[in-house]
Amino acid sequence: MAADFLARTAQAQPDAPALDDGVRDWSYRELEQRVSAAAYRLQGVVATGSTVALISETTGSAVVAAHAALAAGVVLAPLNPRSTRDELRRTLEVLKPGLVLAAPETWELASSAGALPVSLTALDGDGEEALTRRARVQAGGPDLPAQTQVLMWTSGTGGSSRGIALTGTNLQAGISASAARLALGPTDRWLATLGLAHVGGLMLMLRAAATGALLVTRGRFRPDEATALVDAGALTHASLVPTMLRQLLSLRADRPAPSLRCLLVGGAHCPPTLVERAVSASIPLALTYGMTEATSQVATAPPALVRRKAGTVGLPLEGVEVRLDEGGEVMLRGPTVAAGYVGTEFPLQGPGGWLRTGDLAETDEEGHLWITGRCSDRIVTGGVNVDPVEVEDVLRCHARVSDAVVVGLPDDCWGEVVAAAVVCVGGASPSSGELEGLTEAHLTKAKVPRRWLFLRELPRNANGKVDRDAVCHGFGAA
């Protein structure tokens, strides 16, 4: 069970460093004692099985609150502190949590969304009266699958927002499989770069506790702060999305990072140019493919494999079965597949327990997985299938292109026409003709973008993923 991870490690290595929050260091004994006291306070005001929402970046106090919720036997629902007021209000209306815990910087957001937030410090005994006063039993909350311990709220990569119920079995299977693939252990020092509302951030926290590693928290990711920690030799591991990796490499240039053993990159497609840049700088890069519905990782390529075969996400993790249907869509099943959706009648698992991911992939002769795009993003122009990722990767090869997104726009003649939004690196932007020439040299004619949009930055949603609908609307306004 998730609640046991911290307690078991505290018993096995009580004096080992557990948490560095930038203010002080906590041993596993000290962290477990603090979590136990906070769990006791939660049990006094919230019934077992009730939902406790947590709105915070990944700070020391948020880590304590998350562990305490699991230890108290309540359902932990970490929510994105970067949500809009309306997004958060809709989520809370479905969840009807018994308690909303909020970091100081999210207090106004939570209140404006209709919540009665309680400060994280109340779990330390500062403001217990507010904890008791604001905890409430909510009638009509969602029915949760049996054994649900964590409820992740996600907009997903291809649908409306909904909750995803994770059980203790899901969490344990995900932790064990990831730890085995990456050879994780008690000498690791992880920077918590992702928010707890991101399944990668939550699993990093639990994985660190289960393996006896040190978790380093500094709140919201700052590339300069991360670079300083790397230069000081304070980190061995970090979990990043591609945008973070690009920022880190730009800031570090080619400086060596001898203490690093693994930078785990996922959450979105990592362009080949970015992978090659990291490998050339001797960064030990691991590429992972996953999703919230699979308790984070599905397949992960360790650094040695990435150096040999840049771009693959490797073999599925132990216990995860993967197959591709006739159209190349990834289907999977196994102990990491979530128990079900919440807030929608759409079933998570199909016949035989298979989860349709909506992702497209290919496998090579060694069985390694290569992610090629999303079913929903695929463009059909004149009867030809175009996967945007392939075109985007070519555009990023241009020296003055820092990022790109490719979408399909309605067209009376071709059904859809390929369109590209491009972010350029300072100075003069390349012309559309120059970029057309680049893509024509690498791709078939049908895949060459015919409409262009030059942006200062790509629009992104609260989870940091590119908002393709906003890009399409941008072409309409151009």
Protein backbone atom coordinates (compact mmCIF):
# COMPACT_ATOMS: atom_id res chain seq x y z
CA MET A 1 0.00 0.00 0.00
CA ALA A 2 1.15 3.56 -0.70
CA ALA A 3 0.85 4.46 2.98
CA ASP A 4 3.49 1.86 3.83
CA PHE A 5 6.30 3.13 1.59
CA LEU A 6 7.52 5.85 3.90
CA ALA A 7 7.03 3.87 7.12
CA ARG A 8 8.96 0.86 5.81
CA THR A 9 11.89 2.98 4.68
CA ALA A 10 11.91 4.95 7.96
CA GLN A 11 12.18 1.67 9.84
CA ALA A 12 14.94 0.31 7.59
CA GLN A 13 17.09 3.48 7.38
CA PRO A 14 15.82 6.01 9.94
CA ASP A 15 18.85 8.33 9.80
CA ALA A 16 19.17 8.46 6.01
CA PRO A 17 18.32 11.81 4.34
CA ALA A 18 14.74 11.85 3.09
CA LEU A 19 13.78 15.42 2.20
CA ASP A 20 15.65 18.62 1.41
CA ASP A 21 13.16 21.46 1.00
CA GLY A 22 15.70 24.26 0.78
CA VAL A 23 15.06 25.30 4.38
CA ARG A 24 16.18 22.21 6.23
CA ASP A 25 17.00 18.54 5.73
CA TRP A 26 14.77 15.80 7.11
CA SER A 27 15.88 12.26 7.91
CA TYR A 28 13.46 9.42 7.22
CA ARG A 29 12.75 9.17 10.95
CA GLU A 30 11.94 12.88 11.17
CA LEU A 31 9.83 12.89 8.02
CA GLU A 32 7.85 9.85 9.10
CA GLN A 33 7.18 11.38 12.52
CA ARG A 34 5.97 14.61 10.92
CA VAL A 35 3.78 12.69 8.47
CA SER A 36 2.32 10.50 11.24
CA ALA A 37 1.34 13.56 13.27
CA ALA A 38 -0.28 15.16 10.23
CA ALA A 39 -2.13 11.94 9.40
CA TYR A 40 -3.47 11.80 12.96
CA ARG A 41 -4.87 15.33 12.58
CA LEU A 42 -6.50 14.42 9.25
CA GLN A 43 -8.11 11.33 10.75
CA GLY A 44 -9.66 13.53 13.40
CA VAL A 45 -11.56 15.66 10.90
CA VAL A 46 -12.00 13.64 7.68
CA ALA A 47 -13.62 10.23 7.41
CA THR A 48 -11.70 7.30 5.97
CA GLY A 49 -12.35 7.07 2.24
CA SER A 50 -13.21 10.77 1.89
CA THR A 51 -11.36 12.85 -0.68
CA VAL A 52 -8.76 15.43 0.34
CA ALA A 53 -7.76 17.90 -2.37
CA LEU A 54 -4.22 19.29 -2.35
CA ILE A 55 -3.42 22.46 -4.30
CA SER A 56 0.28 23.24 -4.22
CA GLU A 57 3.55 23.12 -6.09
CA THR A 58 5.92 20.37 -4.94
CA THR A 59 7.25 21.81 -1.70
CA GLY A 60 8.30 20.17 1.55
CA SER A 61 4.93 20.95 3.14
CA ALA A 62 3.06 19.52 0.15
CA VAL A 63 5.10 16.31 0.31
CA VAL A 64 4.19 15.93 3.99
CA ALA A 65 0.51 16.56 3.22
CA ALA A 66 0.45 14.02 0.39
CA HIS A 67 2.10 11.29 2.48
CA ALA A 68 -0.19 12.15 5.41
CA ALA A 69 -3.35 11.79 3.30
CA LEU A 70 -2.28 8.32 2.18
CA ALA A 71 -1.32 7.33 5.72
CA ALA A 72 -4.68 8.58 7.04
CA GLY A 73 -6.63 6.34 4.68
CA VAL A 74 -8.25 9.18 2.74
CA VAL A 75 -8.20 9.57 -1.04
CA LEU A 76 -5.53 12.04 -2.15
CA ALA A 77 -6.58 14.34 -5.02
CA PRO A 78 -3.65 16.59 -6.02
CA LEU A 79 -4.94 19.47 -8.17
CA ASN A 80 -3.01 21.73 -10.51
CA PRO A 81 -2.16 25.08 -8.85
CA ARG A 82 -1.95 26.60 -12.35
CA SER A 83 -5.58 25.83 -13.16
CA THR A 84 -7.90 28.68 -13.93
CA ARG A 85 -10.64 29.56 -11.46
CA ASP A 86 -13.32 28.03 -13.70
CA GLU A 87 -11.32 24.85 -14.29
CA LEU A 88 -10.79 24.39 -10.57
CA ARG A 89 -14.45 25.14 -9.78
CA ARG A 90 -15.64 22.46 -12.22
CA THR A 91 -13.21 19.95 -10.73
CA LEU A 92 -14.28 20.66 -7.16
CA GLU A 93 -17.95 20.37 -8.12
CA VAL A 94 -17.31 16.79 -9.22
CA LEU A 95 -14.91 15.80 -6.45
CA LYS A 96 -16.81 17.37 -3.53
CA PRO A 97 -13.74 16.92 -1.29
CA GLY A 98 -14.06 16.68 2.45
CA LEU A 99 -11.10 19.02 2.81
CA VAL A 100 -9.12 21.34 0.55
CA LEU A 101 -5.49 21.88 1.55
CA ALA A 102 -3.86 24.86 -0.17
CA ALA A 103 -0.42 26.44 -0.24
CA PRO A 104 -0.40 30.18 0.57
CA GLU A 105 0.11 31.16 -3.06
CA THR A 106 -2.97 29.13 -4.13
CA TRP A 107 -5.29 30.36 -1.39
CA GLU A 108 -6.91 33.06 -3.51
CA LEU A 109 -7.39 30.66 -6.43
CA ALA A 110 -9.02 28.04 -4.22
CA SER A 111 -11.30 30.57 -2.53
CA SER A 112 -12.40 32.11 -5.84
CA ALA A 113 -13.29 28.62 -7.07
CA GLY A 114 -15.72 28.17 -4.19
CA ALA A 115 -13.53 26.16 -1.82
CA LEU A 116 -12.96 26.72 1.89
CA PRO A 117 -9.20 26.13 1.84
CA VAL A 118 -7.09 25.18 4.82
CA SER A 119 -3.42 26.11 5.00
CA LEU A 120 -0.88 23.30 4.78
CA THR A 121 0.54 24.56 8.08
CA ALA A 122 -2.63 23.36 9.81
CA LEU A 123 -1.29 19.82 9.49
CA ASP A 124 1.67 20.85 11.65
CA GLY A 125 -0.68 21.99 14.40
CA ASP A 126 -0.75 25.64 13.38
CA GLY A 127 -4.43 26.39 12.88
CA GLU A 128 -6.06 23.12 13.94
CA GLU A 129 -9.26 25.05 14.65
CA ALA A 130 -9.48 26.03 10.97
CA LEU A 131 -8.79 22.41 10.02
CA THR A 132 -11.76 21.25 12.08
CA ARG A 133 -14.02 24.12 11.04
CA ARG A 134 -13.45 23.80 7.29
CA ALA A 135 -13.51 20.02 6.99
CA ARG A 136 -16.94 18.90 5.88
CA VAL A 137 -18.80 15.83 4.75
CA GLN A 138 -19.87 16.32 1.15
CA ALA A 139 -22.96 14.49 -0.02
CA GLY A 140 -23.23 13.29 -3.59
CA GLY A 141 -19.54 12.90 -4.30
CA PRO A 142 -18.45 10.61 -7.13
CA ASP A 143 -18.49 6.84 -6.74
CA LEU A 144 -14.89 5.66 -6.66
CA PRO A 145 -13.59 2.23 -7.64
CA ALA A 146 -12.73 -0.04 -4.74
CA GLN A 147 -9.31 0.48 -3.15
CA THR A 148 -8.81 3.92 -4.70
CA GLN A 149 -5.96 5.73 -2.94
CA VAL A 150 -5.19 8.54 -5.37
CA LEU A 151 -7.46 10.48 -7.70
CA MET A 152 -5.54 12.28 -10.43
CA TRP A 153 -7.43 14.97 -12.33
CA THR A 154 -6.33 15.33 -15.89
CA SER A 155 -7.33 17.13 -19.05
CA GLY A 156 -5.69 14.26 -20.91
CA THR A 157 -4.08 14.63 -24.33
CA GLY A 158 -7.24 14.05 -26.27
CA GLY A 159 -10.39 14.62 -24.28
CA SER A 160 -12.34 16.50 -21.63
CA SER A 161 -11.12 16.68 -18.04
CA ARG A 162 -11.82 13.74 -15.76
CA GLY A 163 -10.51 11.93 -12.72
CA ILE A 164 -8.39 8.80 -12.88
CA ALA A 165 -8.57 6.43 -9.91
CA LEU A 166 -5.30 4.79 -8.88
CA THR A 167 -5.22 1.95 -6.36
CA GLY A 168 -2.46 0.82 -4.05
CA THR A 169 -1.79 -2.05 -6.44
CA ASN A 170 -1.34 0.42 -9.32
CA LEU A 171 1.09 2.54 -7.30
CA GLN A 172 3.15 -0.41 -6.07
CA ALA A 173 3.39 -1.95 -9.54
CA GLY A 174 4.46 1.35 -11.11
CA ILE A 175 7.10 2.02 -8.47
CA SER A 176 8.60 -1.47 -8.60
CA ALA A 177 8.75 -1.63 -12.40
CA SER A 178 10.31 1.82 -12.78
CA ALA A 179 12.84 1.21 -10.01
CA ALA A 180 13.91 -2.04 -11.67
CA ARG A 181 14.25 -0.52 -15.13
CA LEU A 182 16.35 2.44 -13.93
CA ALA A 183 18.23 0.60 -11.15
CA LEU A 184 17.07 3.07 -8.50
CA GLY A 185 18.22 2.94 -4.89
CA PRO A 186 18.99 4.74 -1.62
CA THR A 187 22.00 6.68 -2.95
CA ASP A 188 19.83 8.57 -5.46
CA ARG A 189 19.12 12.29 -5.01
CA TRP A 190 16.04 13.33 -7.02
CA LEU A 191 15.01 16.88 -7.89
CA ALA A 192 11.21 17.11 -7.75
CA THR A 193 10.64 19.24 -10.84
CA LEU A 194 7.08 18.18 -11.67
CA GLY A 195 4.00 19.15 -9.68
CA LEU A 196 2.17 16.56 -7.60
CA ALA A 197 -0.87 17.06 -9.84
CA HIS A 198 1.25 15.53 -12.62
CA VAL A 199 1.36 11.74 -12.28
CA GLY A 200 5.11 11.84 -12.95
CA GLY A 201 5.57 14.21 -10.02
CA LEU A 202 3.44 12.16 -7.63
CA MET A 203 5.15 8.89 -8.59
CA LEU A 204 8.57 10.48 -8.20
CA MET A 205 7.68 11.39 -4.61
CA LEU A 206 6.42 7.89 -3.81
CA ARG A 207 9.29 6.21 -5.67
CA ALA A 208 11.84 8.18 -3.65
CA ALA A 209 10.20 7.09 -0.40
CA ALA A 210 9.99 3.45 -1.52
CA THR A 211 13.63 3.26 -2.64
CA GLY A 212 15.05 5.29 0.25
CA ALA A 213 16.26 8.13 -1.97
CA LEU A 214 16.60 11.81 -1.07
CA LEU A 215 13.87 14.04 -2.49
CA VAL A 216 14.96 17.63 -3.21
CA THR A 217 12.05 20.08 -3.46
CA ARG A 218 12.20 23.71 -4.53
CA GLY A 219 8.65 24.37 -5.69
CA ARG A 220 8.09 25.42 -9.27
CA PHE A 221 10.89 24.48 -11.68
CA ARG A 222 13.51 27.15 -12.30
CA PRO A 223 16.32 26.24 -14.72
CA ASP A 224 18.85 28.49 -12.97
CA GLU A 225 18.12 26.85 -9.62
CA ALA A 226 18.30 23.36 -11.11
CA THR A 227 21.61 24.22 -12.78
CA ALA A 228 23.06 25.47 -9.48
CA LEU A 229 22.06 22.20 -7.78
CA VAL A 230 23.63 20.18 -10.58
CA ASP A 231 26.85 22.23 -10.44
CA ALA A 232 27.00 21.70 -6.68
CA GLY A 233 26.74 17.93 -7.15
CA ALA A 234 23.53 17.91 -5.09
CA LEU A 235 21.56 15.81 -7.60
CA THR A 236 21.90 12.44 -9.27
CA HIS A 237 18.45 12.28 -10.87
CA ALA A 238 15.66 14.54 -12.11
CA SER A 239 12.41 14.06 -13.98
CA LEU A 240 11.77 16.61 -16.74
CA VAL A 241 9.46 17.39 -19.61
CA PRO A 242 11.19 18.31 -22.92
CA THR A 243 10.67 22.06 -22.40
CA MET A 244 12.55 21.85 -19.08
CA LEU A 245 15.36 19.88 -20.69
CA ARG A 246 15.72 22.49 -23.42
CA GLN A 247 15.89 25.30 -20.83
CA LEU A 248 18.45 23.40 -18.77
CA LEU A 249 20.70 22.67 -21.75
CA SER A 250 20.51 26.27 -22.96
CA LEU A 251 21.61 27.52 -19.57
CA ARG A 252 24.32 24.94 -18.98
CA ALA A 253 25.87 25.04 -22.47
CA ASP A 254 28.40 22.17 -22.51
CA ARG A 255 29.40 22.18 -18.85
CA PRO A 256 29.88 18.63 -17.52
CA ALA A 257 27.55 17.28 -14.85
CA PRO A 258 29.50 14.38 -13.30
CA SER A 259 27.07 13.78 -10.42
CA LEU A 260 24.11 13.14 -12.74
CA ARG A 261 23.19 9.50 -13.30
CA CYS A 262 19.84 9.97 -15.04
CA LEU A 263 17.59 12.71 -16.42
CA LEU A 264 14.23 11.05 -17.00
CA VAL A 265 12.36 12.86 -19.78
CA GLY A 266 8.70 12.29 -20.65
CA GLY A 267 5.28 13.93 -20.64
CA ALA A 268 5.55 14.86 -24.32
CA HIS A 269 7.48 13.94 -27.44
CA CYS A 270 11.19 14.72 -27.08
CA PRO A 271 12.46 15.96 -30.47
CA PRO A 272 15.46 14.07 -31.94
CA THR A 273 17.48 17.29 -32.12
CA LEU A 274 17.01 17.79 -28.37
CA VAL A 275 17.93 14.17 -27.60
CA GLU A 276 21.06 14.42 -29.73
CA ARG A 277 22.03 17.68 -28.06
CA ALA A 278 21.74 16.13 -24.59
CA VAL A 279 23.63 12.99 -25.56
CA SER A 280 26.38 15.07 -27.19
CA ALA A 281 26.72 16.99 -23.89
CA SER A 282 27.19 13.64 -22.09
CA ILE A 283 23.87 14.02 -20.26
CA PRO A 284 22.62 10.58 -19.10
CA LEU A 285 19.19 10.82 -20.71
CA ALA A 286 16.39 8.28 -20.17
CA LEU A 287 13.32 8.56 -22.39
CA THR A 288 9.98 7.41 -21.06
CA TYR A 289 6.51 7.01 -22.53
CA GLY A 290 3.55 6.95 -20.19
CA MET A 291 0.23 8.41 -19.12
CA THR A 292 -1.84 8.95 -16.01
CA GLU A 293 -4.07 5.99 -16.91
CA ALA A 294 -1.00 3.73 -16.63
CA THR A 295 0.25 5.19 -13.32
CA SER A 296 2.96 7.11 -15.20
CA GLN A 297 5.47 4.96 -17.09
CA VAL A 298 4.59 2.40 -19.77
CA ALA A 299 7.99 1.99 -21.42
CA THR A 300 11.35 3.51 -20.52
CA ALA A 301 14.71 3.52 -22.30
CA PRO A 302 17.61 3.81 -19.81
CA PRO A 303 20.54 6.10 -20.65
CA ALA A 304 22.66 3.31 -22.20
CA LEU A 305 19.88 2.48 -24.66
CA VAL A 306 19.27 6.15 -25.50
CA ARG A 307 22.97 6.55 -26.32
CA ARG A 308 22.79 3.54 -28.63
CA LYS A 309 19.38 4.17 -30.16
CA ALA A 310 18.32 7.79 -29.64
CA GLY A 311 14.58 8.31 -29.82
CA THR A 312 13.20 4.98 -28.69
CA VAL A 313 11.37 4.69 -25.37
CA GLY A 314 12.54 1.12 -25.07
CA LEU A 315 10.71 -1.98 -23.93
CA PRO A 316 7.51 -1.97 -21.84
CA LEU A 317 8.10 -2.09 -18.09
CA GLU A 318 7.83 -5.39 -16.30
CA GLY A 319 4.21 -6.55 -16.08
CA VAL A 320 2.97 -4.17 -18.79
CA GLU A 321 1.66 -5.78 -21.96
CA VAL A 322 1.72 -3.64 -25.09
CA ARG A 323 0.32 -4.36 -28.52
CA LEU A 324 -0.40 -2.23 -31.59
CA ASP A 325 -3.70 -2.50 -33.43
CA GLU A 326 -3.97 -2.51 -37.20
CA GLY A 327 -3.77 1.29 -37.31
CA GLY A 328 -0.70 1.48 -35.06
CA GLU A 329 -2.55 2.59 -31.91
CA VAL A 330 -0.90 1.55 -28.65
CA MET A 331 -3.00 -0.73 -26.46
CA LEU A 332 -1.87 -1.86 -23.05
CA ARG A 333 -2.89 -3.79 -19.97
CA GLY A 334 -1.37 -4.88 -16.72
CA PRO A 335 -1.26 -4.03 -13.00
CA THR A 336 -0.43 -0.36 -13.60
CA VAL A 337 -3.61 0.31 -15.60
CA ALA A 338 -5.88 2.51 -13.49
CA ALA A 339 -9.06 1.22 -11.89
CA GLY A 340 -11.33 3.60 -13.79
CA TYR A 341 -12.37 7.11 -14.73
CA VAL A 342 -14.29 9.44 -12.41
CA GLY A 343 -16.62 12.20 -13.62
CA THR A 344 -17.41 10.49 -16.91
CA GLU A 345 -19.29 7.39 -18.00
CA PHE A 346 -16.57 6.56 -20.52
CA PRO A 347 -14.95 3.21 -19.58
CA LEU A 348 -11.20 3.21 -19.06
CA GLN A 349 -10.61 -0.43 -19.97
CA GLY A 350 -12.07 -2.20 -22.96
CA PRO A 351 -12.63 -5.91 -23.66
CA GLY A 352 -9.96 -8.12 -22.14
CA GLY A 353 -8.75 -5.31 -19.88
CA TRP A 354 -7.01 -3.48 -22.75
CA LEU A 355 -6.61 0.29 -22.54
CA ARG A 356 -6.68 2.17 -25.83
CA THR A 357 -4.17 4.98 -25.39
CA GLY A 358 -4.86 7.08 -28.48
CA ASP A 359 -1.10 7.09 -29.15
CA LEU A 360 0.52 5.86 -32.34
CA ALA A 361 3.73 3.83 -32.34
CA GLU A 362 5.98 1.43 -34.18
CA THR A 363 8.26 -1.34 -32.90
CA ASP A 364 11.67 -2.25 -34.26
CA GLU A 365 13.40 -5.63 -34.64
CA GLU A 366 14.40 -5.61 -30.95
CA GLY A 367 10.86 -4.91 -29.78
CA HIS A 368 11.69 -1.35 -28.77
CA LEU A 369 8.83 1.11 -28.95
CA TRP A 370 8.92 4.33 -31.01
CA ILE A 371 6.08 6.80 -30.42
CA THR A 372 5.01 8.51 -33.65
CA GLY A 373 2.07 10.69 -32.61
CA ARG A 374 -1.56 10.81 -31.52
CA CYS A 375 -4.52 9.31 -33.35
CA SER A 376 -6.49 12.51 -32.78
CA ASP A 377 -3.67 14.66 -34.19
CA ARG A 378 -3.25 12.66 -37.39
CA ILE A 379 -3.94 14.72 -40.51
CA VAL A 380 -5.55 13.25 -43.62
CA THR A 381 -4.81 15.40 -46.65
CA GLY A 382 -5.85 14.19 -50.09
CA GLY A 383 -6.13 10.66 -48.71
CA VAL A 384 -2.57 10.71 -47.30
CA ASN A 385 -2.00 10.20 -43.55
CA VAL A 386 0.34 12.75 -41.98
CA ASP A 387 1.60 12.38 -38.39
CA PRO A 388 2.46 15.89 -37.10
CA VAL A 389 5.43 14.69 -35.01
CA GLU A 390 7.32 13.68 -38.15
CA VAL A 391 6.93 17.14 -39.68
CA GLU A 392 7.66 18.94 -36.40
CA ASP A 393 10.93 17.04 -35.98
CA VAL A 394 12.09 18.15 -39.44
CA LEU A 395 11.23 21.80 -38.75
CA ARG A 396 13.19 21.75 -35.49
CA CYS A 397 16.29 20.77 -37.46
CA HIS A 398 16.47 24.36 -38.76
CA ALA A 399 19.04 26.35 -36.80
CA ARG A 400 16.65 29.26 -36.23
CA VAL A 401 13.61 27.18 -35.19
CA SER A 402 13.33 26.48 -31.47
CA ASP A 403 9.91 24.81 -31.54
CA ALA A 404 7.07 23.94 -33.89
CA VAL A 405 3.60 22.42 -33.90
CA VAL A 406 1.81 21.05 -36.94
CA VAL A 407 -1.98 20.86 -37.28
CA GLY A 408 -4.55 20.09 -39.93
CA LEU A 409 -6.86 22.86 -41.13
CA PRO A 410 -10.12 22.24 -43.01
CA ASP A 411 -9.75 22.54 -46.78
CA ASP A 412 -12.45 22.23 -49.47
CA CYS A 413 -10.11 20.61 -51.95
CA TRP A 414 -7.90 18.32 -49.85
CA GLY A 415 -10.11 17.71 -46.81
CA GLU A 416 -7.31 19.01 -44.61
CA VAL A 417 -4.21 21.02 -45.33
CA VAL A 418 -0.99 20.75 -43.32
CA ALA A 419 -0.21 23.93 -41.35
CA ALA A 420 2.76 24.74 -39.13
CA ALA A 421 3.16 27.22 -36.27
CA VAL A 422 6.82 27.99 -35.66
CA VAL A 423 8.75 29.64 -32.82
CA CYS A 424 12.06 31.10 -33.95
CA VAL A 425 15.34 31.75 -32.15
CA GLY A 426 15.91 35.53 -31.96
CA GLY A 427 16.93 37.66 -34.95
CA ALA A 428 15.38 37.28 -38.36
CA SER A 429 12.93 34.42 -38.83
CA PRO A 430 13.38 32.02 -41.74
CA SER A 431 10.88 32.60 -44.53
CA SER A 432 8.03 30.20 -45.15
CA GLY A 433 9.66 29.38 -48.49
CA GLU A 434 12.88 28.40 -46.72
CA LEU A 435 11.01 26.12 -44.34
CA GLU A 436 9.00 24.61 -47.18
CA GLY A 437 12.27 23.81 -48.90
CA LEU A 438 13.58 22.13 -45.75
CA THR A 439 10.52 19.91 -45.38
CA GLU A 440 10.41 19.11 -49.12
CA ALA A 441 13.96 17.82 -48.85
CA HIS A 442 13.02 15.32 -46.12
CA LEU A 443 9.33 14.51 -46.58
CA THR A 444 6.89 13.53 -49.29
CA LYS A 445 5.01 16.41 -50.91
CA ALA A 446 1.74 15.75 -49.05
CA LYS A 447 3.46 16.31 -45.69
CA VAL A 448 4.88 19.74 -46.53
CA PRO A 449 3.08 22.55 -44.64
CA ARG A 450 1.17 24.93 -46.90
CA ARG A 451 0.17 27.48 -44.28
CA TRP A 452 2.51 29.10 -41.78
CA LEU A 453 2.21 31.00 -38.52
CA PHE A 454 5.18 32.56 -36.69
CA LEU A 455 4.74 32.90 -32.91
CA ARG A 456 6.81 34.11 -29.98
CA GLU A 457 5.75 31.03 -28.04
CA LEU A 458 3.38 28.10 -28.43
CA PRO A 459 0.10 28.24 -26.50
CA ARG A 460 0.00 25.68 -23.70
CA ASN A 461 -2.62 24.41 -21.26
CA ALA A 462 -2.32 24.28 -17.47
CA ASN A 463 -0.39 21.01 -17.71
CA GLY A 464 2.22 22.57 -19.99
CA LYS A 465 1.12 20.68 -23.09
CA VAL A 466 0.70 22.42 -26.44
CA ASP A 467 -2.88 23.57 -26.96
CA ARG A 468 -3.49 22.49 -30.56
CA ASP A 469 -7.00 23.95 -30.64
CA ALA A 470 -5.56 27.37 -29.78
CA VAL A 471 -3.00 26.95 -32.56
CA CYS A 472 -5.79 26.20 -35.06
CA HIS A 473 -7.70 29.28 -33.88
CA GLY A 474 -4.51 31.28 -34.35
CA PHE A 475 -4.51 30.47 -38.04
CA GLY A 476 -8.07 31.74 -38.24
CA ALA A 477 -7.07 35.03 -36.66
CA ALA A 478 -3.93 35.45 -38.74
